[in-house]
Amino acid sequence: MKIGIIGSGKIGGTLGKHWAKAGHEVMFSSRHPEELNSLVTQAGKNAKAVSVAEAFEANADAYLLAVPFKEVNRIAEVFAGEYGQKVVIDATNPYPERDGEIAQEVRDSNRNATEYTAMKFSTALTAKAFNTIKADDLKKRAFRDTDRLAVPFAAQDEKSREVTKQLIEDIGMDAVYVGDLSATRAMEVDQQVYGVSTDKKELSSKLSI
């Protein structure tokens, strides 16, 4: 699969390296791709650094959205013509102390954060994953045959569900489907499985599924 990483920080950078190791073609992106050379070197031959515009123009199979929540609106508007019918995996979280009023508004509203992202990326096929996991656990607990880490995810449709499930399992973790995007409340900041690193059985119990 060709994967565009939109936001190459701790979560995006780590996932990109894992997916490159798993054999996927990875494009790390940022406003300053020249600053990602070290990350590309660590990821190996299946990775390269590009601008955010180049990542969207490359017509990837899936995009990981791992930017501060306050950037969701801008990215969705600027690249609206590029992500239609592409899978966008939303790994963002709204933190008012970092992201300002928009984060607080979304957290106070009746919709969850992922439904907000899906509304902004209206032509994409949106999924939610990797927003609950601690960066250190994501880094250290991949590619295990035993004591596998479970990753909760939600998806808008069958295609986004299949792609997201595969990309979780390709890095040696167990995918736990929670439902469509309306079911992601349990994955949000300070909710049942936010920050929880555990196995599939315990995670499913916490989610009551």
N, C-alpha and C. Protein backbone atom coordinates (compact mmCIF):
# COMPACT_ATOMS: atom_id res chain seq x y z
N MET A 1 0.84 -1.19 0.00
CA MET A 1 0.00 0.00 0.00
C MET A 1 0.88 1.25 0.00
N LYS A 2 0.41 2.29 -0.63
CA LYS A 2 1.08 3.59 -0.57
C LYS A 2 0.39 4.41 0.52
N ILE A 3 1.17 4.88 1.49
CA ILE A 3 0.61 5.56 2.66
C ILE A 3 1.22 6.95 2.81
N GLY A 4 0.37 7.95 2.92
CA GLY A 4 0.84 9.31 3.19
C GLY A 4 0.69 9.63 4.67
N ILE A 5 1.77 10.02 5.29
CA ILE A 5 1.76 10.39 6.71
C ILE A 5 1.65 11.91 6.79
N ILE A 6 0.50 12.39 7.24
CA ILE A 6 0.29 13.83 7.37
C ILE A 6 0.52 14.22 8.82
N GLY A 7 1.73 14.68 9.09
CA GLY A 7 2.16 14.95 10.45
C GLY A 7 3.12 13.87 10.91
N SER A 8 4.41 14.17 10.89
CA SER A 8 5.42 13.13 11.12
C SER A 8 6.08 13.27 12.48
N GLY A 9 5.27 13.48 13.51
CA GLY A 9 5.76 13.56 14.88
C GLY A 9 5.89 12.17 15.50
N LYS A 10 5.65 12.08 16.81
CA LYS A 10 5.88 10.81 17.52
C LYS A 10 4.98 9.69 17.01
N ILE A 11 3.69 9.97 16.84
CA ILE A 11 2.78 8.92 16.37
C ILE A 11 2.96 8.68 14.87
N GLY A 12 2.91 9.73 14.08
CA GLY A 12 3.06 9.58 12.64
C GLY A 12 4.41 9.02 12.24
N GLY A 13 5.46 9.52 12.88
CA GLY A 13 6.80 9.05 12.56
C GLY A 13 6.99 7.59 12.90
N THR A 14 6.50 7.19 14.07
CA THR A 14 6.64 5.79 14.48
C THR A 14 5.83 4.86 13.59
N LEU A 15 4.59 5.23 13.31
CA LEU A 15 3.78 4.38 12.44
C LEU A 15 4.36 4.28 11.04
N GLY A 16 4.87 5.38 10.54
CA GLY A 16 5.48 5.35 9.22
C GLY A 16 6.66 4.39 9.16
N LYS A 17 7.48 4.40 10.19
CA LYS A 17 8.62 3.47 10.24
C LYS A 17 8.14 2.02 10.31
N HIS A 18 7.12 1.78 11.13
CA HIS A 18 6.57 0.42 11.22
C HIS A 18 6.02 -0.04 9.87
N TRP A 19 5.24 0.81 9.22
CA TRP A 19 4.64 0.41 7.95
C TRP A 19 5.69 0.20 6.86
N ALA A 20 6.73 1.02 6.88
CA ALA A 20 7.82 0.81 5.92
C ALA A 20 8.50 -0.53 6.17
N LYS A 21 8.69 -0.86 7.44
CA LYS A 21 9.29 -2.15 7.80
C LYS A 21 8.40 -3.30 7.33
N ALA A 22 7.09 -3.08 7.35
CA ALA A 22 6.13 -4.11 6.93
C ALA A 22 6.01 -4.22 5.41
N GLY A 23 6.73 -3.34 4.69
CA GLY A 23 6.75 -3.43 3.23
C GLY A 23 5.90 -2.43 2.49
N HIS A 24 5.26 -1.52 3.20
CA HIS A 24 4.45 -0.51 2.54
C HIS A 24 5.32 0.65 2.05
N GLU A 25 4.82 1.36 1.07
CA GLU A 25 5.49 2.55 0.55
C GLU A 25 5.02 3.75 1.36
N VAL A 26 5.92 4.38 2.07
CA VAL A 26 5.56 5.42 3.03
C VAL A 26 6.09 6.78 2.61
N MET A 27 5.21 7.77 2.65
CA MET A 27 5.61 9.15 2.40
C MET A 27 5.42 9.95 3.69
N PHE A 28 6.54 10.30 4.32
CA PHE A 28 6.47 11.20 5.47
C PHE A 28 6.30 12.62 4.95
N SER A 29 5.43 13.40 5.58
CA SER A 29 5.27 14.77 5.10
C SER A 29 5.24 15.76 6.24
N SER A 30 5.64 16.98 5.92
CA SER A 30 5.54 18.11 6.84
C SER A 30 5.70 19.38 6.01
N ARG A 31 5.55 20.51 6.67
CA ARG A 31 5.77 21.78 5.98
C ARG A 31 7.23 21.94 5.58
N HIS A 32 8.11 21.21 6.28
CA HIS A 32 9.56 21.30 6.02
C HIS A 32 10.12 19.88 5.86
N PRO A 33 9.85 19.26 4.70
CA PRO A 33 10.28 17.87 4.51
C PRO A 33 11.78 17.66 4.61
N GLU A 34 12.55 18.72 4.38
CA GLU A 34 14.01 18.58 4.49
C GLU A 34 14.43 18.25 5.92
N GLU A 35 13.54 18.50 6.87
CA GLU A 35 13.86 18.21 8.28
C GLU A 35 13.55 16.76 8.64
N LEU A 36 13.07 15.98 7.69
CA LEU A 36 12.67 14.60 7.96
C LEU A 36 13.70 13.57 7.47
N ASN A 37 14.86 14.04 7.07
CA ASN A 37 15.86 13.12 6.51
C ASN A 37 16.27 12.01 7.48
N SER A 38 16.40 12.36 8.75
CA SER A 38 16.78 11.35 9.75
C SER A 38 15.70 10.29 9.89
N LEU A 39 14.45 10.72 9.86
CA LEU A 39 13.33 9.79 9.96
C LEU A 39 13.30 8.85 8.77
N VAL A 40 13.53 9.38 7.60
CA VAL A 40 13.55 8.56 6.38
C VAL A 40 14.68 7.55 6.44
N THR A 41 15.84 7.97 6.91
CA THR A 41 16.98 7.07 7.04
C THR A 41 16.65 5.91 7.98
N GLN A 42 16.00 6.22 9.10
CA GLN A 42 15.61 5.18 10.05
C GLN A 42 14.58 4.22 9.46
N ALA A 43 13.68 4.77 8.64
CA ALA A 43 12.61 3.95 8.07
C ALA A 43 13.11 3.03 6.96
N GLY A 44 14.15 3.45 6.25
CA GLY A 44 14.73 2.59 5.23
C GLY A 44 14.22 2.84 3.82
N LYS A 45 14.46 1.88 2.96
CA LYS A 45 14.29 2.07 1.51
C LYS A 45 12.85 2.29 1.07
N ASN A 46 11.88 1.93 1.90
CA ASN A 46 10.48 2.08 1.50
C ASN A 46 9.89 3.44 1.86
N ALA A 47 10.73 4.36 2.31
CA ALA A 47 10.21 5.65 2.78
C ALA A 47 10.90 6.81 2.08
N LYS A 48 10.17 7.93 2.02
CA LYS A 48 10.74 9.18 1.53
C LYS A 48 10.03 10.34 2.20
N ALA A 49 10.64 11.52 2.12
CA ALA A 49 10.06 12.73 2.70
C ALA A 49 9.53 13.62 1.59
N VAL A 50 8.33 14.13 1.79
CA VAL A 50 7.70 15.01 0.81
C VAL A 50 6.96 16.12 1.54
N SER A 51 6.53 17.13 0.79
CA SER A 51 5.68 18.15 1.38
C SER A 51 4.27 17.59 1.56
N VAL A 52 3.46 18.26 2.34
CA VAL A 52 2.08 17.81 2.53
C VAL A 52 1.34 17.82 1.19
N ALA A 53 1.58 18.84 0.39
CA ALA A 53 0.95 18.92 -0.93
C ALA A 53 1.35 17.74 -1.80
N GLU A 54 2.62 17.39 -1.79
CA GLU A 54 3.11 16.26 -2.60
C GLU A 54 2.51 14.95 -2.12
N ALA A 55 2.33 14.81 -0.82
CA ALA A 55 1.74 13.58 -0.28
C ALA A 55 0.31 13.40 -0.81
N PHE A 56 -0.48 14.47 -0.78
CA PHE A 56 -1.85 14.37 -1.28
C PHE A 56 -1.89 14.19 -2.79
N GLU A 57 -0.98 14.85 -3.49
CA GLU A 57 -0.95 14.73 -4.95
C GLU A 57 -0.49 13.35 -5.41
N ALA A 58 0.15 12.61 -4.52
CA ALA A 58 0.69 11.29 -4.88
C ALA A 58 -0.38 10.21 -4.96
N ASN A 59 -1.62 10.57 -4.61
CA ASN A 59 -2.73 9.63 -4.76
C ASN A 59 -2.49 8.34 -3.99
N ALA A 60 -2.21 8.48 -2.69
CA ALA A 60 -1.94 7.31 -1.85
C ALA A 60 -3.19 6.49 -1.63
N ASP A 61 -3.00 5.26 -1.18
CA ASP A 61 -4.13 4.39 -0.86
C ASP A 61 -4.77 4.79 0.46
N ALA A 62 -3.94 5.29 1.37
CA ALA A 62 -4.44 5.70 2.68
C ALA A 62 -3.58 6.83 3.21
N TYR A 63 -4.22 7.66 4.04
CA TYR A 63 -3.51 8.76 4.70
C TYR A 63 -3.71 8.66 6.20
N LEU A 64 -2.63 8.86 6.95
CA LEU A 64 -2.71 8.95 8.39
C LEU A 64 -2.70 10.43 8.76
N LEU A 65 -3.73 10.87 9.45
CA LEU A 65 -3.82 12.26 9.89
C LEU A 65 -3.35 12.31 11.34
N ALA A 66 -2.13 12.80 11.54
CA ALA A 66 -1.52 12.82 12.87
C ALA A 66 -0.97 14.22 13.16
N VAL A 67 -1.83 15.20 13.01
CA VAL A 67 -1.46 16.60 13.23
C VAL A 67 -2.20 17.14 14.44
N PRO A 68 -1.81 18.29 14.99
CA PRO A 68 -2.62 18.90 16.04
C PRO A 68 -4.04 19.14 15.53
N PHE A 69 -5.03 18.95 16.40
CA PHE A 69 -6.43 19.04 15.99
C PHE A 69 -6.77 20.39 15.35
N LYS A 70 -6.09 21.43 15.78
CA LYS A 70 -6.37 22.77 15.24
C LYS A 70 -6.02 22.87 13.76
N GLU A 71 -5.26 21.92 13.22
CA GLU A 71 -4.88 21.93 11.81
C GLU A 71 -5.88 21.21 10.91
N VAL A 72 -6.84 20.51 11.50
CA VAL A 72 -7.77 19.70 10.71
C VAL A 72 -8.51 20.55 9.68
N ASN A 73 -9.07 21.68 10.10
CA ASN A 73 -9.83 22.53 9.17
C ASN A 73 -8.98 22.99 8.00
N ARG A 74 -7.80 23.49 8.30
CA ARG A 74 -6.93 24.04 7.25
C ARG A 74 -6.54 22.97 6.24
N ILE A 75 -6.12 21.81 6.72
CA ILE A 75 -5.69 20.75 5.81
C ILE A 75 -6.86 20.26 4.96
N ALA A 76 -8.01 20.10 5.59
CA ALA A 76 -9.20 19.63 4.84
C ALA A 76 -9.58 20.61 3.74
N GLU A 77 -9.48 21.90 4.01
CA GLU A 77 -9.86 22.91 3.03
C GLU A 77 -8.82 23.05 1.91
N VAL A 78 -7.56 23.08 2.28
CA VAL A 78 -6.50 23.30 1.29
C VAL A 78 -6.40 22.14 0.30
N PHE A 79 -6.60 20.92 0.79
CA PHE A 79 -6.38 19.75 -0.06
C PHE A 79 -7.69 19.04 -0.42
N ALA A 80 -8.78 19.78 -0.42
CA ALA A 80 -10.11 19.20 -0.63
C ALA A 80 -10.24 18.41 -1.93
N GLY A 81 -9.49 18.80 -2.96
CA GLY A 81 -9.61 18.11 -4.24
C GLY A 81 -8.78 16.85 -4.36
N GLU A 82 -8.02 16.53 -3.33
CA GLU A 82 -7.02 15.47 -3.46
C GLU A 82 -7.37 14.17 -2.73
N TYR A 83 -8.24 14.21 -1.73
CA TYR A 83 -8.43 13.00 -0.91
C TYR A 83 -9.77 12.31 -1.12
N GLY A 84 -10.49 12.69 -2.15
CA GLY A 84 -11.80 12.09 -2.41
C GLY A 84 -11.74 10.58 -2.53
N GLN A 85 -12.58 9.90 -1.77
CA GLN A 85 -12.69 8.43 -1.77
C GLN A 85 -11.42 7.72 -1.32
N LYS A 86 -10.50 8.46 -0.72
CA LYS A 86 -9.31 7.85 -0.13
C LYS A 86 -9.55 7.61 1.35
N VAL A 87 -8.92 6.58 1.89
CA VAL A 87 -9.06 6.30 3.32
C VAL A 87 -8.18 7.28 4.11
N VAL A 88 -8.80 7.98 5.04
CA VAL A 88 -8.09 8.88 5.95
C VAL A 88 -8.25 8.33 7.36
N ILE A 89 -7.14 7.92 7.95
CA ILE A 89 -7.15 7.40 9.32
C ILE A 89 -6.85 8.56 10.27
N ASP A 90 -7.83 8.90 11.06
CA ASP A 90 -7.74 10.04 11.96
C ASP A 90 -7.12 9.61 13.29
N ALA A 91 -5.93 10.11 13.57
CA ALA A 91 -5.25 9.82 14.84
C ALA A 91 -5.18 11.06 15.73
N THR A 92 -6.00 12.05 15.44
CA THR A 92 -5.94 13.32 16.17
C THR A 92 -6.75 13.26 17.46
N ASN A 93 -6.43 14.17 18.37
CA ASN A 93 -7.20 14.38 19.59
C ASN A 93 -7.32 15.87 19.84
N PRO A 94 -8.50 16.34 20.25
CA PRO A 94 -8.65 17.76 20.56
C PRO A 94 -8.23 18.08 21.99
N TYR A 95 -7.16 18.86 22.12
CA TYR A 95 -6.69 19.30 23.43
C TYR A 95 -6.84 20.82 23.49
N PRO A 96 -7.81 21.34 24.24
CA PRO A 96 -8.03 22.80 24.28
C PRO A 96 -6.79 23.60 24.66
N GLU A 97 -5.98 23.07 25.55
CA GLU A 97 -4.80 23.81 25.98
C GLU A 97 -3.78 23.99 24.86
N ARG A 98 -3.82 23.12 23.87
CA ARG A 98 -2.92 23.21 22.72
C ARG A 98 -3.63 23.74 21.49
N ASP A 99 -4.86 23.29 21.27
CA ASP A 99 -5.56 23.55 20.01
C ASP A 99 -6.56 24.70 20.08
N GLY A 100 -6.80 25.23 21.25
CA GLY A 100 -7.63 26.43 21.36
C GLY A 100 -9.12 26.19 21.32
N GLU A 101 -9.85 27.21 20.86
CA GLU A 101 -11.31 27.22 20.95
C GLU A 101 -11.98 26.09 20.18
N ILE A 102 -11.45 25.75 19.00
CA ILE A 102 -12.11 24.73 18.20
C ILE A 102 -12.12 23.40 18.94
N ALA A 103 -11.04 23.08 19.65
CA ALA A 103 -10.99 21.83 20.41
C ALA A 103 -12.02 21.84 21.53
N GLN A 104 -12.14 22.96 22.22
CA GLN A 104 -13.11 23.04 23.30
C GLN A 104 -14.54 22.95 22.76
N GLU A 105 -14.78 23.60 21.64
CA GLU A 105 -16.12 23.57 21.04
C GLU A 105 -16.52 22.14 20.67
N VAL A 106 -15.59 21.42 20.07
CA VAL A 106 -15.90 20.04 19.66
C VAL A 106 -16.11 19.15 20.89
N ARG A 107 -15.29 19.33 21.90
CA ARG A 107 -15.44 18.51 23.10
C ARG A 107 -16.74 18.82 23.85
N ASP A 108 -17.22 20.05 23.73
CA ASP A 108 -18.47 20.44 24.40
C ASP A 108 -19.71 20.10 23.60
N SER A 109 -19.54 19.76 22.33
CA SER A 109 -20.70 19.55 21.45
C SER A 109 -21.23 18.12 21.56
N ASN A 110 -22.33 17.86 20.88
CA ASN A 110 -22.94 16.53 20.92
C ASN A 110 -22.24 15.53 20.00
N ARG A 111 -21.46 16.02 19.05
CA ARG A 111 -20.75 15.12 18.14
C ARG A 111 -19.38 14.79 18.73
N ASN A 112 -18.83 13.66 18.34
CA ASN A 112 -17.48 13.35 18.79
C ASN A 112 -16.45 13.92 17.81
N ALA A 113 -15.19 13.89 18.22
CA ALA A 113 -14.14 14.55 17.44
C ALA A 113 -13.96 13.93 16.07
N THR A 114 -14.12 12.63 15.97
CA THR A 114 -13.93 11.97 14.68
C THR A 114 -15.05 12.31 13.70
N GLU A 115 -16.26 12.43 14.21
CA GLU A 115 -17.36 12.84 13.34
C GLU A 115 -17.10 14.25 12.81
N TYR A 116 -16.48 15.09 13.63
CA TYR A 116 -16.12 16.43 13.17
C TYR A 116 -15.08 16.34 12.05
N THR A 117 -14.05 15.52 12.24
CA THR A 117 -13.03 15.34 11.21
C THR A 117 -13.64 14.79 9.92
N ALA A 118 -14.51 13.81 10.06
CA ALA A 118 -15.15 13.21 8.88
C ALA A 118 -16.01 14.24 8.14
N MET A 119 -16.63 15.14 8.89
CA MET A 119 -17.43 16.19 8.26
C MET A 119 -16.54 17.12 7.46
N LYS A 120 -15.38 17.44 8.00
CA LYS A 120 -14.45 18.33 7.29
C LYS A 120 -13.83 17.64 6.08
N PHE A 121 -13.44 16.37 6.23
CA PHE A 121 -12.91 15.59 5.11
C PHE A 121 -14.07 14.85 4.46
N SER A 122 -15.03 15.60 3.99
CA SER A 122 -16.34 15.04 3.64
C SER A 122 -16.32 14.04 2.49
N THR A 123 -15.36 14.16 1.58
CA THR A 123 -15.32 13.23 0.45
C THR A 123 -14.42 12.03 0.70
N ALA A 124 -13.73 12.02 1.83
CA ALA A 124 -12.84 10.91 2.18
C ALA A 124 -13.63 9.81 2.87
N LEU A 125 -12.98 8.66 3.02
CA LEU A 125 -13.52 7.54 3.78
C LEU A 125 -12.76 7.52 5.11
N THR A 126 -13.40 8.01 6.14
CA THR A 126 -12.69 8.27 7.39
C THR A 126 -12.75 7.09 8.35
N ALA A 127 -11.62 6.83 8.99
CA ALA A 127 -11.53 5.85 10.07
C ALA A 127 -10.87 6.52 11.27
N LYS A 128 -10.98 5.91 12.42
CA LYS A 128 -10.33 6.43 13.62
C LYS A 128 -9.46 5.33 14.22
N ALA A 129 -8.20 5.64 14.47
CA ALA A 129 -7.30 4.66 15.09
C ALA A 129 -6.03 5.38 15.56
N PHE A 130 -5.34 4.76 16.47
CA PHE A 130 -4.03 5.20 16.95
C PHE A 130 -4.06 6.50 17.76
N ASN A 131 -5.25 6.98 18.12
CA ASN A 131 -5.31 8.19 18.95
C ASN A 131 -5.30 7.85 20.43
N THR A 132 -5.56 6.59 20.78
CA THR A 132 -5.62 6.21 22.20
C THR A 132 -4.29 5.68 22.72
N ILE A 133 -3.41 5.31 21.85
CA ILE A 133 -2.21 4.58 22.23
C ILE A 133 -1.09 5.53 22.65
N LYS A 134 -0.34 5.14 23.66
CA LYS A 134 0.81 5.94 24.09
C LYS A 134 1.94 5.77 23.08
N ALA A 135 2.62 6.86 22.78
CA ALA A 135 3.66 6.83 21.75
C ALA A 135 4.75 5.82 22.07
N ASP A 136 5.11 5.70 23.34
CA ASP A 136 6.18 4.77 23.72
C ASP A 136 5.76 3.32 23.51
N ASP A 137 4.49 3.02 23.81
CA ASP A 137 4.00 1.66 23.59
C ASP A 137 3.91 1.35 22.10
N LEU A 138 3.49 2.33 21.32
CA LEU A 138 3.43 2.15 19.88
C LEU A 138 4.81 1.83 19.32
N LYS A 139 5.80 2.49 19.86
CA LYS A 139 7.17 2.30 19.40
C LYS A 139 7.73 0.93 19.79
N LYS A 140 7.48 0.51 21.04
CA LYS A 140 8.16 -0.66 21.59
C LYS A 140 7.41 -1.97 21.46
N ARG A 141 6.09 -1.90 21.21
CA ARG A 141 5.30 -3.14 21.28
C ARG A 141 4.74 -3.59 19.94
N ALA A 142 5.40 -3.19 18.88
CA ALA A 142 4.99 -3.64 17.54
C ALA A 142 5.68 -4.96 17.18
N PHE A 143 5.11 -5.63 16.19
CA PHE A 143 5.69 -6.84 15.61
C PHE A 143 5.90 -7.95 16.64
N ARG A 144 4.92 -8.16 17.49
CA ARG A 144 4.99 -9.22 18.48
C ARG A 144 4.11 -10.40 18.06
N ASP A 145 4.60 -11.60 18.39
CA ASP A 145 3.80 -12.80 18.15
C ASP A 145 2.95 -13.13 19.37
N THR A 146 3.42 -12.74 20.54
CA THR A 146 2.68 -12.97 21.78
C THR A 146 2.57 -11.66 22.54
N ASP A 147 1.66 -11.62 23.51
CA ASP A 147 1.44 -10.41 24.30
C ASP A 147 1.25 -9.19 23.39
N ARG A 148 0.38 -9.38 22.42
CA ARG A 148 0.17 -8.34 21.41
C ARG A 148 -0.68 -7.20 21.95
N LEU A 149 -0.33 -6.01 21.53
CA LEU A 149 -1.08 -4.82 21.91
C LEU A 149 -2.34 -4.73 21.05
N ALA A 150 -3.45 -4.38 21.67
CA ALA A 150 -4.70 -4.22 20.94
C ALA A 150 -4.95 -2.75 20.63
N VAL A 151 -5.41 -2.49 19.42
CA VAL A 151 -5.67 -1.12 18.97
C VAL A 151 -7.14 -0.98 18.60
N PRO A 152 -7.90 -0.14 19.30
CA PRO A 152 -9.29 0.06 18.93
C PRO A 152 -9.39 0.91 17.67
N PHE A 153 -10.39 0.64 16.83
CA PHE A 153 -10.58 1.47 15.65
C PHE A 153 -12.04 1.50 15.26
N ALA A 154 -12.41 2.55 14.58
CA ALA A 154 -13.76 2.70 14.04
C ALA A 154 -13.63 3.08 12.57
N ALA A 155 -14.70 2.87 11.81
CA ALA A 155 -14.60 3.15 10.38
C ALA A 155 -15.95 3.56 9.81
N GLN A 156 -15.88 4.39 8.79
CA GLN A 156 -17.06 4.96 8.16
C GLN A 156 -17.77 3.99 7.23
N ASP A 157 -16.99 3.11 6.59
CA ASP A 157 -17.56 2.17 5.63
C ASP A 157 -16.69 0.93 5.57
N GLU A 158 -17.06 -0.01 4.72
CA GLU A 158 -16.36 -1.29 4.67
C GLU A 158 -14.92 -1.14 4.18
N LYS A 159 -14.69 -0.28 3.19
CA LYS A 159 -13.32 -0.11 2.69
C LYS A 159 -12.40 0.45 3.76
N SER A 160 -12.83 1.52 4.44
CA SER A 160 -11.97 2.11 5.48
C SER A 160 -11.77 1.13 6.63
N ARG A 161 -12.78 0.30 6.88
CA ARG A 161 -12.63 -0.72 7.94
C ARG A 161 -11.57 -1.74 7.56
N GLU A 162 -11.63 -2.24 6.34
CA GLU A 162 -10.68 -3.26 5.89
C GLU A 162 -9.25 -2.74 5.86
N VAL A 163 -9.08 -1.53 5.32
CA VAL A 163 -7.73 -0.94 5.20
C VAL A 163 -7.14 -0.69 6.58
N THR A 164 -7.93 -0.11 7.47
CA THR A 164 -7.41 0.21 8.80
C THR A 164 -7.08 -1.06 9.58
N LYS A 165 -7.93 -2.05 9.49
CA LYS A 165 -7.66 -3.33 10.16
C LYS A 165 -6.36 -3.93 9.66
N GLN A 166 -6.15 -3.91 8.35
CA GLN A 166 -4.92 -4.47 7.79
C GLN A 166 -3.70 -3.72 8.29
N LEU A 167 -3.79 -2.40 8.32
CA LEU A 167 -2.61 -1.62 8.70
C LEU A 167 -2.28 -1.76 10.19
N ILE A 168 -3.28 -2.07 11.00
CA ILE A 168 -3.01 -2.37 12.41
C ILE A 168 -2.33 -3.75 12.53
N GLU A 169 -2.88 -4.72 11.84
CA GLU A 169 -2.36 -6.08 11.94
C GLU A 169 -1.00 -6.24 11.27
N ASP A 170 -0.74 -5.42 10.25
CA ASP A 170 0.55 -5.50 9.55
C ASP A 170 1.73 -5.14 10.44
N ILE A 171 1.47 -4.44 11.54
CA ILE A 171 2.58 -4.07 12.44
C ILE A 171 2.55 -4.91 13.73
N GLY A 172 1.88 -6.05 13.64
CA GLY A 172 1.92 -7.00 14.75
C GLY A 172 1.08 -6.61 15.94
N MET A 173 -0.03 -5.93 15.70
CA MET A 173 -0.96 -5.59 16.78
C MET A 173 -2.34 -6.14 16.43
N ASP A 174 -3.20 -6.24 17.43
CA ASP A 174 -4.54 -6.77 17.22
C ASP A 174 -5.54 -5.63 17.03
N ALA A 175 -6.32 -5.70 15.98
CA ALA A 175 -7.32 -4.68 15.69
C ALA A 175 -8.63 -5.03 16.38
N VAL A 176 -9.19 -4.07 17.10
CA VAL A 176 -10.47 -4.27 17.79
C VAL A 176 -11.46 -3.24 17.24
N TYR A 177 -12.43 -3.72 16.49
CA TYR A 177 -13.40 -2.83 15.85
C TYR A 177 -14.48 -2.42 16.84
N VAL A 178 -14.65 -1.11 17.00
CA VAL A 178 -15.64 -0.62 17.97
C VAL A 178 -16.97 -0.25 17.32
N GLY A 179 -16.97 -0.08 15.99
CA GLY A 179 -18.18 0.28 15.29
C GLY A 179 -17.95 1.42 14.32
N ASP A 180 -19.03 2.09 13.92
CA ASP A 180 -18.87 3.23 13.02
C ASP A 180 -18.39 4.45 13.80
N LEU A 181 -18.28 5.59 13.13
CA LEU A 181 -17.67 6.75 13.76
C LEU A 181 -18.45 7.28 14.96
N SER A 182 -19.73 6.98 15.02
CA SER A 182 -20.52 7.42 16.17
C SER A 182 -20.15 6.67 17.44
N ALA A 183 -19.42 5.57 17.29
CA ALA A 183 -19.06 4.73 18.44
C ALA A 183 -17.70 5.10 19.04
N THR A 184 -17.11 6.17 18.58
CA THR A 184 -15.74 6.49 19.02
C THR A 184 -15.67 7.28 20.32
N ARG A 185 -16.79 7.54 20.95
CA ARG A 185 -16.76 8.30 22.21
C ARG A 185 -15.83 7.65 23.23
N ALA A 186 -15.83 6.33 23.28
CA ALA A 186 -14.99 5.61 24.25
C ALA A 186 -13.50 5.79 23.98
N MET A 187 -13.15 6.22 22.75
CA MET A 187 -11.75 6.39 22.37
C MET A 187 -11.25 7.82 22.59
N GLU A 188 -12.13 8.70 23.02
CA GLU A 188 -11.77 10.10 23.13
C GLU A 188 -10.99 10.40 24.42
N VAL A 189 -10.42 11.57 24.47
CA VAL A 189 -9.59 11.98 25.61
C VAL A 189 -10.35 11.78 26.92
N ASP A 190 -9.69 11.10 27.87
CA ASP A 190 -10.22 10.86 29.22
C ASP A 190 -11.40 9.89 29.26
N GLN A 191 -11.66 9.19 28.16
CA GLN A 191 -12.73 8.20 28.15
C GLN A 191 -12.17 6.78 28.37
N GLN A 192 -13.03 5.75 28.20
CA GLN A 192 -12.71 4.41 28.68
C GLN A 192 -11.37 3.84 28.24
N VAL A 193 -11.02 3.99 26.96
CA VAL A 193 -9.81 3.32 26.48
C VAL A 193 -8.71 4.31 26.06
N TYR A 194 -8.89 5.58 26.37
CA TYR A 194 -7.85 6.55 26.04
C TYR A 194 -6.63 6.31 26.92
N GLY A 195 -5.47 6.16 26.29
CA GLY A 195 -4.23 5.92 27.02
C GLY A 195 -4.07 4.51 27.56
N VAL A 196 -4.98 3.62 27.18
CA VAL A 196 -4.94 2.24 27.68
C VAL A 196 -4.11 1.37 26.74
N SER A 197 -3.14 0.68 27.29
CA SER A 197 -2.32 -0.25 26.51
C SER A 197 -2.53 -1.64 27.09
N THR A 198 -3.24 -2.47 26.36
CA THR A 198 -3.56 -3.78 26.89
C THR A 198 -3.82 -4.75 25.74
N ASP A 199 -4.24 -5.96 26.08
CA ASP A 199 -4.47 -6.97 25.05
C ASP A 199 -5.91 -6.92 24.55
N LYS A 200 -6.21 -7.75 23.57
CA LYS A 200 -7.51 -7.72 22.91
C LYS A 200 -8.65 -8.06 23.86
N LYS A 201 -8.45 -9.05 24.73
CA LYS A 201 -9.50 -9.47 25.65
C LYS A 201 -9.88 -8.36 26.61
N GLU A 202 -8.90 -7.74 27.24
CA GLU A 202 -9.19 -6.69 28.21
C GLU A 202 -9.76 -5.45 27.53
N LEU A 203 -9.22 -5.10 26.36
CA LEU A 203 -9.72 -3.93 25.65
C LEU A 203 -11.19 -4.11 25.27
N SER A 204 -11.51 -5.30 24.77
CA SER A 204 -12.90 -5.58 24.39
C SER A 204 -13.81 -5.50 25.61
N SER A 205 -13.32 -5.93 26.75
CA SER A 205 -14.10 -5.85 27.98
C SER A 205 -14.35 -4.40 28.37
N LYS A 206 -13.34 -3.57 28.26
CA LYS A 206 -13.50 -2.15 28.59
C LYS A 206 -14.48 -1.45 27.65
N LEU A 207 -14.55 -1.96 26.43
CA LEU A 207 -15.45 -1.40 25.43
C LEU A 207 -16.83 -2.05 25.45
N SER A 208 -16.96 -3.11 26.25
CA SER A 208 -18.22 -3.87 26.34
C SER A 208 -18.65 -4.42 24.99
N ILE A 209 -17.68 -4.97 24.27
CA ILE A 209 -17.98 -5.59 22.97
C ILE A 209 -17.49 -7.03 22.94
